[in-house]
Amino acid sequence: MNKLQITRVELTLTPEWVGVDTVSVVCRINKEFGDEFVSSIKNDLDYLSEDIRTLICSLTNNVIMANGFSKMKVQIKSRVDSELLEKNHAGVMMDISLEWRKEPFKGIVIAIASHLFRYNPEAPAGAFFRSQPGILLIAGDRPQDINLDANVDMFKTLIKSQMDNILQ
């Protein structure tokens, strides 16, 4: 059976998911700016970063729900809280790094790494599992030129790949 056919029953039998009935999704952004950027570009990238955060959190939620978790409570949160240490809870954290580049291409580099935080009685509190970072390159002359809607399929593919490593 391939990963696309995983059912909720199978997921709940894996050690990381036994007893889980709630999942939190937290998306964190780390913006990087070069010295040559003027304040208007920083503001535009700040605005774009919130759109990217919203898109990634939404896609992550969709992938979780599509992979057999439809009966679980999934919440998008703005920060990590103490419920990560509860036995019936899992947390998915998406770390997003943004960098505006001028060379070798002009556009934004988006690196995304996912982490699963889960209560584990036989390991330190907050033991986690993580995936390798994935990278997207979106060309544009200015941050205002970046069209996230035109690149949703790339985001979907990367998020699906990230979550396949966690949702098994």
N, C-alpha and C. Protein backbone atom coordinates (compact mmCIF):
# COMPACT_ATOMS: atom_id res chain seq x y z
N MET A 1 0.85 -1.17 0.00
CA MET A 1 0.00 0.00 0.00
C MET A 1 0.90 1.23 0.00
N ASN A 2 0.66 2.18 -0.90
CA ASN A 2 1.50 3.37 -0.92
C ASN A 2 1.01 4.41 0.07
N LYS A 3 1.81 5.45 0.26
CA LYS A 3 1.49 6.47 1.27
C LYS A 3 0.20 7.22 0.97
N LEU A 4 -0.19 7.29 -0.28
CA LEU A 4 -1.41 8.01 -0.63
C LEU A 4 -2.66 7.28 -0.17
N GLN A 5 -2.54 5.99 0.20
CA GLN A 5 -3.69 5.20 0.59
C GLN A 5 -3.73 4.90 2.09
N ILE A 6 -2.97 5.64 2.87
CA ILE A 6 -2.95 5.43 4.32
C ILE A 6 -4.33 5.77 4.89
N THR A 7 -4.81 4.94 5.79
CA THR A 7 -6.10 5.22 6.43
C THR A 7 -5.88 5.66 7.86
N ARG A 8 -6.92 6.22 8.45
CA ARG A 8 -6.84 6.68 9.83
C ARG A 8 -6.51 5.52 10.77
N VAL A 9 -7.08 4.35 10.53
CA VAL A 9 -6.83 3.19 11.39
C VAL A 9 -5.35 2.85 11.39
N GLU A 10 -4.72 2.83 10.21
CA GLU A 10 -3.30 2.52 10.13
C GLU A 10 -2.47 3.58 10.84
N LEU A 11 -2.82 4.85 10.66
CA LEU A 11 -2.06 5.92 11.30
C LEU A 11 -2.11 5.82 12.82
N THR A 12 -3.27 5.49 13.36
CA THR A 12 -3.39 5.44 14.81
C THR A 12 -2.68 4.24 15.41
N LEU A 13 -2.21 3.32 14.59
CA LEU A 13 -1.47 2.17 15.10
C LEU A 13 0.03 2.43 15.16
N THR A 14 0.52 3.49 14.52
CA THR A 14 1.94 3.80 14.58
C THR A 14 2.23 4.47 15.92
N PRO A 15 3.41 4.23 16.50
CA PRO A 15 3.70 4.75 17.85
C PRO A 15 3.51 6.26 17.99
N GLU A 16 3.84 7.02 16.95
CA GLU A 16 3.72 8.47 17.04
C GLU A 16 2.28 8.94 17.12
N TRP A 17 1.33 8.13 16.67
CA TRP A 17 -0.05 8.58 16.58
C TRP A 17 -1.02 7.83 17.48
N VAL A 18 -0.56 6.85 18.25
CA VAL A 18 -1.45 6.12 19.15
C VAL A 18 -2.06 7.09 20.15
N GLY A 19 -3.38 7.10 20.22
CA GLY A 19 -4.09 7.92 21.20
C GLY A 19 -4.26 9.38 20.84
N VAL A 20 -3.77 9.83 19.72
CA VAL A 20 -3.88 11.24 19.35
C VAL A 20 -5.31 11.55 18.91
N ASP A 21 -5.89 12.61 19.51
CA ASP A 21 -7.19 13.05 19.04
C ASP A 21 -7.22 14.53 18.70
N THR A 22 -6.13 15.25 18.98
CA THR A 22 -6.03 16.65 18.56
C THR A 22 -4.64 16.91 17.98
N VAL A 23 -4.61 17.78 16.98
CA VAL A 23 -3.36 18.16 16.32
C VAL A 23 -3.33 19.67 16.20
N SER A 24 -2.20 20.28 16.57
CA SER A 24 -2.00 21.71 16.36
C SER A 24 -1.03 21.91 15.21
N VAL A 25 -1.29 22.90 14.38
CA VAL A 25 -0.38 23.28 13.31
C VAL A 25 0.12 24.68 13.62
N VAL A 26 1.44 24.83 13.71
CA VAL A 26 2.06 26.13 13.96
C VAL A 26 3.03 26.41 12.81
N CYS A 27 2.91 27.59 12.20
CA CYS A 27 3.82 27.98 11.12
C CYS A 27 4.64 29.17 11.59
N ARG A 28 5.97 29.00 11.57
CA ARG A 28 6.87 30.08 12.00
C ARG A 28 7.64 30.61 10.80
N ILE A 29 7.85 31.92 10.77
CA ILE A 29 8.57 32.57 9.67
C ILE A 29 9.86 33.17 10.20
N ASN A 30 10.94 32.95 9.45
CA ASN A 30 12.23 33.58 9.74
C ASN A 30 12.64 34.33 8.48
N LYS A 31 12.52 35.65 8.50
CA LYS A 31 12.83 36.44 7.31
C LYS A 31 14.30 36.85 7.32
N GLU A 32 14.94 36.79 6.16
CA GLU A 32 16.32 37.22 6.02
C GLU A 32 16.38 38.35 4.99
N PHE A 33 17.08 39.41 5.36
CA PHE A 33 17.22 40.55 4.46
C PHE A 33 18.69 40.87 4.28
N GLY A 34 19.06 41.23 3.06
CA GLY A 34 20.41 41.71 2.81
C GLY A 34 20.52 43.18 3.22
N ASP A 35 21.75 43.68 3.35
CA ASP A 35 21.96 45.07 3.76
C ASP A 35 21.44 46.08 2.75
N GLU A 36 21.35 45.71 1.47
CA GLU A 36 20.99 46.65 0.43
C GLU A 36 19.49 46.91 0.33
N PHE A 37 18.69 46.25 1.16
CA PHE A 37 17.25 46.42 1.04
C PHE A 37 16.79 47.71 1.69
N VAL A 38 15.89 48.37 1.00
CA VAL A 38 15.29 49.59 1.55
C VAL A 38 14.04 49.20 2.32
N SER A 39 13.57 50.12 3.13
CA SER A 39 12.46 49.81 4.01
C SER A 39 11.19 49.41 3.26
N SER A 40 10.93 49.97 2.08
CA SER A 40 9.71 49.60 1.35
C SER A 40 9.75 48.14 0.92
N ILE A 41 10.93 47.63 0.56
CA ILE A 41 11.04 46.22 0.18
C ILE A 41 10.84 45.34 1.40
N LYS A 42 11.39 45.74 2.53
CA LYS A 42 11.18 44.96 3.76
C LYS A 42 9.69 44.87 4.08
N ASN A 43 9.00 46.00 3.96
CA ASN A 43 7.57 45.99 4.25
C ASN A 43 6.81 45.09 3.29
N ASP A 44 7.17 45.12 2.01
CA ASP A 44 6.51 44.26 1.03
C ASP A 44 6.77 42.78 1.33
N LEU A 45 8.00 42.45 1.70
CA LEU A 45 8.31 41.07 2.02
C LEU A 45 7.62 40.65 3.31
N ASP A 46 7.49 41.58 4.26
CA ASP A 46 6.73 41.28 5.48
C ASP A 46 5.29 40.92 5.13
N TYR A 47 4.69 41.71 4.25
CA TYR A 47 3.31 41.45 3.85
C TYR A 47 3.21 40.09 3.15
N LEU A 48 4.15 39.83 2.25
CA LEU A 48 4.18 38.56 1.53
C LEU A 48 4.39 37.39 2.50
N SER A 49 5.19 37.61 3.53
CA SER A 49 5.46 36.53 4.48
C SER A 49 4.19 36.08 5.20
N GLU A 50 3.31 37.01 5.51
CA GLU A 50 2.06 36.63 6.16
C GLU A 50 1.16 35.83 5.22
N ASP A 51 1.16 36.21 3.94
CA ASP A 51 0.41 35.42 2.95
C ASP A 51 0.99 34.02 2.82
N ILE A 52 2.32 33.92 2.84
CA ILE A 52 2.99 32.62 2.75
C ILE A 52 2.67 31.78 3.99
N ARG A 53 2.72 32.40 5.17
CA ARG A 53 2.38 31.68 6.41
C ARG A 53 0.96 31.13 6.34
N THR A 54 0.02 31.96 5.93
CA THR A 54 -1.39 31.55 5.84
C THR A 54 -1.56 30.40 4.84
N LEU A 55 -0.91 30.52 3.68
CA LEU A 55 -1.01 29.48 2.66
C LEU A 55 -0.44 28.16 3.15
N ILE A 56 0.74 28.19 3.76
CA ILE A 56 1.39 26.96 4.22
C ILE A 56 0.60 26.31 5.35
N CYS A 57 0.11 27.10 6.29
CA CYS A 57 -0.72 26.53 7.37
C CYS A 57 -1.99 25.90 6.81
N SER A 58 -2.62 26.56 5.88
CA SER A 58 -3.84 26.04 5.28
C SER A 58 -3.58 24.74 4.52
N LEU A 59 -2.52 24.72 3.72
CA LEU A 59 -2.18 23.50 2.96
C LEU A 59 -1.80 22.36 3.90
N THR A 60 -1.08 22.67 4.97
CA THR A 60 -0.70 21.64 5.95
C THR A 60 -1.95 21.05 6.58
N ASN A 61 -2.88 21.90 6.97
CA ASN A 61 -4.15 21.45 7.54
C ASN A 61 -4.88 20.55 6.54
N ASN A 62 -4.92 20.94 5.27
CA ASN A 62 -5.60 20.14 4.25
C ASN A 62 -4.96 18.77 4.09
N VAL A 63 -3.63 18.70 4.11
CA VAL A 63 -2.93 17.42 3.96
C VAL A 63 -3.22 16.53 5.16
N ILE A 64 -3.21 17.09 6.36
CA ILE A 64 -3.51 16.31 7.56
C ILE A 64 -4.92 15.73 7.47
N MET A 65 -5.88 16.56 7.11
CA MET A 65 -7.26 16.11 7.02
C MET A 65 -7.44 15.06 5.92
N ALA A 66 -6.71 15.19 4.82
CA ALA A 66 -6.83 14.24 3.70
C ALA A 66 -6.14 12.91 3.98
N ASN A 67 -5.31 12.86 5.02
CA ASN A 67 -4.57 11.63 5.32
C ASN A 67 -5.18 10.86 6.48
N GLY A 68 -6.49 10.89 6.60
CA GLY A 68 -7.15 10.05 7.57
C GLY A 68 -7.38 10.68 8.93
N PHE A 69 -7.16 11.97 9.05
CA PHE A 69 -7.33 12.63 10.34
C PHE A 69 -8.63 13.44 10.40
N SER A 70 -9.56 13.17 9.52
CA SER A 70 -10.76 14.00 9.43
C SER A 70 -11.60 13.98 10.70
N LYS A 71 -11.47 12.96 11.53
CA LYS A 71 -12.24 12.91 12.78
C LYS A 71 -11.48 13.52 13.95
N MET A 72 -10.24 13.91 13.72
CA MET A 72 -9.46 14.55 14.78
C MET A 72 -9.69 16.05 14.73
N LYS A 73 -9.47 16.69 15.85
CA LYS A 73 -9.56 18.14 15.91
C LYS A 73 -8.20 18.71 15.49
N VAL A 74 -8.18 19.48 14.39
CA VAL A 74 -6.96 20.09 13.90
C VAL A 74 -7.12 21.60 14.03
N GLN A 75 -6.15 22.24 14.69
CA GLN A 75 -6.20 23.68 14.91
C GLN A 75 -4.94 24.33 14.36
N ILE A 76 -5.11 25.48 13.70
CA ILE A 76 -3.97 26.29 13.30
C ILE A 76 -3.74 27.29 14.42
N LYS A 77 -2.52 27.31 14.95
CA LYS A 77 -2.20 28.18 16.08
C LYS A 77 -1.06 29.12 15.72
N SER A 78 -0.98 30.21 16.44
CA SER A 78 0.07 31.19 16.16
C SER A 78 1.35 30.89 16.94
N ARG A 79 1.25 30.07 17.96
CA ARG A 79 2.45 29.74 18.74
C ARG A 79 2.30 28.36 19.38
N VAL A 80 3.41 27.82 19.81
CA VAL A 80 3.42 26.53 20.49
C VAL A 80 3.00 26.76 21.93
N ASP A 81 2.20 25.86 22.48
CA ASP A 81 1.85 25.97 23.89
C ASP A 81 2.02 24.63 24.59
N SER A 82 1.68 24.58 25.86
CA SER A 82 1.96 23.41 26.69
C SER A 82 1.19 22.15 26.29
N GLU A 83 0.17 22.27 25.47
CA GLU A 83 -0.60 21.07 25.12
C GLU A 83 0.23 20.06 24.33
N LEU A 84 1.41 20.47 23.83
CA LEU A 84 2.28 19.51 23.15
C LEU A 84 2.69 18.37 24.07
N LEU A 85 2.65 18.59 25.36
CA LEU A 85 3.06 17.57 26.32
C LEU A 85 1.90 16.69 26.78
N GLU A 86 0.72 16.91 26.26
CA GLU A 86 -0.43 16.09 26.62
C GLU A 86 -0.42 14.79 25.82
N LYS A 87 -0.85 13.71 26.45
CA LYS A 87 -0.79 12.38 25.83
C LYS A 87 -1.61 12.27 24.55
N ASN A 88 -2.72 12.96 24.47
CA ASN A 88 -3.61 12.80 23.33
C ASN A 88 -3.40 13.86 22.24
N HIS A 89 -2.28 14.56 22.30
CA HIS A 89 -2.06 15.68 21.39
C HIS A 89 -0.77 15.52 20.59
N ALA A 90 -0.79 15.99 19.35
CA ALA A 90 0.42 16.07 18.52
C ALA A 90 0.49 17.48 17.96
N GLY A 91 1.69 17.94 17.73
CA GLY A 91 1.88 19.26 17.14
C GLY A 91 2.73 19.16 15.89
N VAL A 92 2.29 19.83 14.85
CA VAL A 92 3.06 19.90 13.61
C VAL A 92 3.54 21.34 13.49
N MET A 93 4.85 21.50 13.39
CA MET A 93 5.42 22.83 13.23
C MET A 93 6.06 22.93 11.87
N MET A 94 5.71 23.98 11.15
CA MET A 94 6.31 24.26 9.85
C MET A 94 7.22 25.48 10.03
N ASP A 95 8.52 25.27 9.87
CA ASP A 95 9.48 26.37 9.93
C ASP A 95 9.74 26.86 8.51
N ILE A 96 9.50 28.15 8.29
CA ILE A 96 9.57 28.74 6.96
C ILE A 96 10.63 29.83 6.97
N SER A 97 11.61 29.69 6.11
CA SER A 97 12.65 30.70 5.98
C SER A 97 12.51 31.38 4.63
N LEU A 98 12.44 32.71 4.64
CA LEU A 98 12.30 33.48 3.41
C LEU A 98 13.56 34.31 3.18
N GLU A 99 13.99 34.37 1.94
CA GLU A 99 15.12 35.23 1.59
C GLU A 99 14.90 35.79 0.20
N TRP A 100 15.02 37.11 0.07
CA TRP A 100 14.93 37.75 -1.23
C TRP A 100 16.31 37.73 -1.86
N ARG A 101 16.40 37.26 -3.10
CA ARG A 101 17.69 37.12 -3.78
C ARG A 101 17.75 38.00 -5.03
N LYS A 102 18.96 38.48 -5.31
CA LYS A 102 19.19 39.22 -6.55
C LYS A 102 20.01 38.40 -7.53
N GLU A 103 20.82 37.47 -7.01
CA GLU A 103 21.66 36.63 -7.86
C GLU A 103 21.71 35.24 -7.24
N PRO A 104 21.84 34.18 -7.95
CA PRO A 104 21.95 34.04 -9.40
C PRO A 104 20.61 34.23 -10.12
N PHE A 105 19.54 34.36 -9.38
CA PHE A 105 18.26 34.71 -10.00
C PHE A 105 17.61 35.75 -9.11
N LYS A 106 16.63 36.45 -9.64
CA LYS A 106 15.94 37.48 -8.86
C LYS A 106 14.59 36.92 -8.43
N GLY A 107 14.38 36.89 -7.13
CA GLY A 107 13.13 36.37 -6.60
C GLY A 107 13.27 35.96 -5.16
N ILE A 108 12.34 35.15 -4.71
CA ILE A 108 12.30 34.74 -3.31
C ILE A 108 12.66 33.25 -3.19
N VAL A 109 13.45 32.95 -2.18
CA VAL A 109 13.79 31.56 -1.84
C VAL A 109 12.99 31.23 -0.58
N ILE A 110 12.24 30.15 -0.63
CA ILE A 110 11.43 29.73 0.51
C ILE A 110 11.88 28.33 0.91
N ALA A 111 12.40 28.20 2.12
CA ALA A 111 12.80 26.89 2.65
C ALA A 111 11.79 26.50 3.72
N ILE A 112 11.30 25.27 3.65
CA ILE A 112 10.28 24.79 4.60
C ILE A 112 10.74 23.47 5.20
N ALA A 113 10.73 23.41 6.53
CA ALA A 113 11.03 22.17 7.24
C ALA A 113 9.87 21.90 8.20
N SER A 114 9.47 20.64 8.30
CA SER A 114 8.36 20.29 9.18
C SER A 114 8.85 19.45 10.35
N HIS A 115 8.17 19.60 11.48
CA HIS A 115 8.52 18.89 12.71
C HIS A 115 7.25 18.34 13.33
N LEU A 116 7.35 17.16 13.91
CA LEU A 116 6.24 16.59 14.67
C LEU A 116 6.65 16.55 16.14
N PHE A 117 5.87 17.20 16.98
CA PHE A 117 6.08 17.15 18.42
C PHE A 117 5.02 16.24 19.00
N ARG A 118 5.46 15.31 19.86
CA ARG A 118 4.51 14.33 20.38
C ARG A 118 4.94 13.89 21.76
N TYR A 119 4.00 13.74 22.65
CA TYR A 119 4.25 13.17 23.97
C TYR A 119 4.82 11.77 23.79
N ASN A 120 5.86 11.46 24.52
CA ASN A 120 6.47 10.14 24.44
C ASN A 120 6.94 9.76 25.84
N PRO A 121 6.26 8.81 26.50
CA PRO A 121 6.62 8.49 27.89
C PRO A 121 8.01 7.89 28.04
N GLU A 122 8.60 7.41 26.95
CA GLU A 122 9.91 6.78 27.04
C GLU A 122 11.02 7.67 26.50
N ALA A 123 10.73 8.96 26.32
CA ALA A 123 11.72 9.90 25.81
C ALA A 123 11.52 11.24 26.52
N PRO A 124 12.44 12.15 26.36
CA PRO A 124 12.25 13.47 26.98
C PRO A 124 10.96 14.13 26.50
N ALA A 125 10.37 14.93 27.36
CA ALA A 125 9.14 15.63 26.99
C ALA A 125 9.36 16.42 25.71
N GLY A 126 8.39 16.38 24.84
CA GLY A 126 8.48 17.13 23.59
C GLY A 126 9.37 16.48 22.56
N ALA A 127 9.62 15.18 22.68
CA ALA A 127 10.43 14.49 21.68
C ALA A 127 9.84 14.77 20.30
N PHE A 128 10.69 14.96 19.31
CA PHE A 128 10.15 15.33 18.00
C PHE A 128 10.80 14.57 16.87
N PHE A 129 10.10 14.57 15.77
CA PHE A 129 10.54 13.94 14.54
C PHE A 129 10.50 15.03 13.49
N ARG A 130 11.46 15.06 12.57
CA ARG A 130 11.46 16.14 11.59
C ARG A 130 11.79 15.63 10.20
N SER A 131 11.46 16.46 9.24
CA SER A 131 11.75 16.12 7.85
C SER A 131 12.89 16.99 7.34
N GLN A 132 13.44 16.61 6.21
CA GLN A 132 14.47 17.42 5.57
C GLN A 132 13.81 18.66 4.97
N PRO A 133 14.52 19.80 4.98
CA PRO A 133 13.93 21.01 4.39
C PRO A 133 13.70 20.86 2.89
N GLY A 134 12.65 21.47 2.42
CA GLY A 134 12.36 21.56 0.99
C GLY A 134 12.48 23.02 0.58
N ILE A 135 12.85 23.26 -0.66
CA ILE A 135 13.09 24.64 -1.11
C ILE A 135 12.27 24.94 -2.35
N LEU A 136 11.66 26.14 -2.35
CA LEU A 136 10.96 26.67 -3.51
C LEU A 136 11.66 27.94 -3.97
N LEU A 137 11.77 28.12 -5.26
CA LEU A 137 12.30 29.35 -5.85
C LEU A 137 11.20 29.96 -6.68
N ILE A 138 10.84 31.22 -6.37
CA ILE A 138 9.81 31.91 -7.14
C ILE A 138 10.41 33.19 -7.68
N ALA A 139 10.48 33.29 -9.00
CA ALA A 139 11.11 34.44 -9.65
C ALA A 139 10.20 35.66 -9.63
N GLY A 140 10.83 36.83 -9.54
CA GLY A 140 10.12 38.10 -9.59
C GLY A 140 11.11 39.24 -9.48
N ASP A 141 10.81 40.36 -10.14
CA ASP A 141 11.70 41.51 -10.07
C ASP A 141 11.60 42.23 -8.73
N ARG A 142 10.42 42.20 -8.14
CA ARG A 142 10.17 42.85 -6.84
C ARG A 142 9.24 41.95 -6.04
N PRO A 143 9.24 42.09 -4.72
CA PRO A 143 8.31 41.28 -3.92
C PRO A 143 6.86 41.42 -4.36
N GLN A 144 6.48 42.61 -4.81
CA GLN A 144 5.10 42.83 -5.25
C GLN A 144 4.76 42.01 -6.49
N ASP A 145 5.78 41.57 -7.23
CA ASP A 145 5.55 40.79 -8.45
C ASP A 145 5.31 39.31 -8.17
N ILE A 146 5.54 38.86 -6.96
CA ILE A 146 5.39 37.45 -6.62
C ILE A 146 3.89 37.12 -6.53
N ASN A 147 3.46 36.13 -7.31
CA ASN A 147 2.07 35.72 -7.32
C ASN A 147 1.98 34.33 -6.68
N LEU A 148 1.55 34.29 -5.43
CA LEU A 148 1.45 33.01 -4.72
C LEU A 148 0.40 32.10 -5.34
N ASP A 149 -0.70 32.68 -5.80
CA ASP A 149 -1.77 31.87 -6.39
C ASP A 149 -1.28 31.09 -7.61
N ALA A 150 -0.39 31.69 -8.38
CA ALA A 150 0.14 31.03 -9.58
C ALA A 150 1.11 29.90 -9.21
N ASN A 151 1.55 29.87 -7.95
CA ASN A 151 2.53 28.87 -7.52
C ASN A 151 1.99 27.90 -6.47
N VAL A 152 0.68 27.87 -6.29
CA VAL A 152 0.07 27.01 -5.27
C VAL A 152 0.42 25.54 -5.48
N ASP A 153 0.48 25.09 -6.72
CA ASP A 153 0.79 23.68 -6.97
C ASP A 153 2.18 23.31 -6.46
N MET A 154 3.14 24.22 -6.60
CA MET A 154 4.49 23.96 -6.07
C MET A 154 4.44 23.85 -4.54
N PHE A 155 3.70 24.75 -3.91
CA PHE A 155 3.55 24.70 -2.45
C PHE A 155 2.88 23.39 -2.04
N LYS A 156 1.81 22.99 -2.73
CA LYS A 156 1.10 21.75 -2.40
C LYS A 156 2.03 20.55 -2.47
N THR A 157 2.82 20.48 -3.53
CA THR A 157 3.74 19.36 -3.71
C THR A 157 4.76 19.31 -2.58
N LEU A 158 5.32 20.46 -2.23
CA LEU A 158 6.32 20.49 -1.16
C LEU A 158 5.71 20.15 0.19
N ILE A 159 4.56 20.71 0.51
CA ILE A 159 3.90 20.42 1.79
C ILE A 159 3.53 18.94 1.87
N LYS A 160 3.01 18.38 0.79
CA LYS A 160 2.67 16.96 0.76
C LYS A 160 3.90 16.11 1.03
N SER A 161 5.01 16.45 0.41
CA SER A 161 6.26 15.73 0.63
C SER A 161 6.72 15.84 2.08
N GLN A 162 6.65 17.04 2.64
CA GLN A 162 7.03 17.25 4.04
C GLN A 162 6.15 16.42 4.97
N MET A 163 4.86 16.44 4.73
CA MET A 163 3.93 15.77 5.62
C MET A 163 3.95 14.25 5.45
N ASP A 164 4.30 13.75 4.27
CA ASP A 164 4.40 12.30 4.07
C ASP A 164 5.41 11.70 5.04
N ASN A 165 6.47 12.43 5.34
CA ASN A 165 7.49 11.94 6.27
C ASN A 165 6.99 11.91 7.71
N ILE A 166 6.09 12.81 8.03
CA ILE A 166 5.57 12.92 9.40
C ILE A 166 4.35 12.03 9.61
N LEU A 167 3.48 11.95 8.62
CA LEU A 167 2.21 11.24 8.77
C LEU A 167 2.35 9.76 8.42
N GLN A 168 3.30 9.09 9.02
CA GLN A 168 3.47 7.66 8.79
C GLN A 168 3.77 6.95 10.07
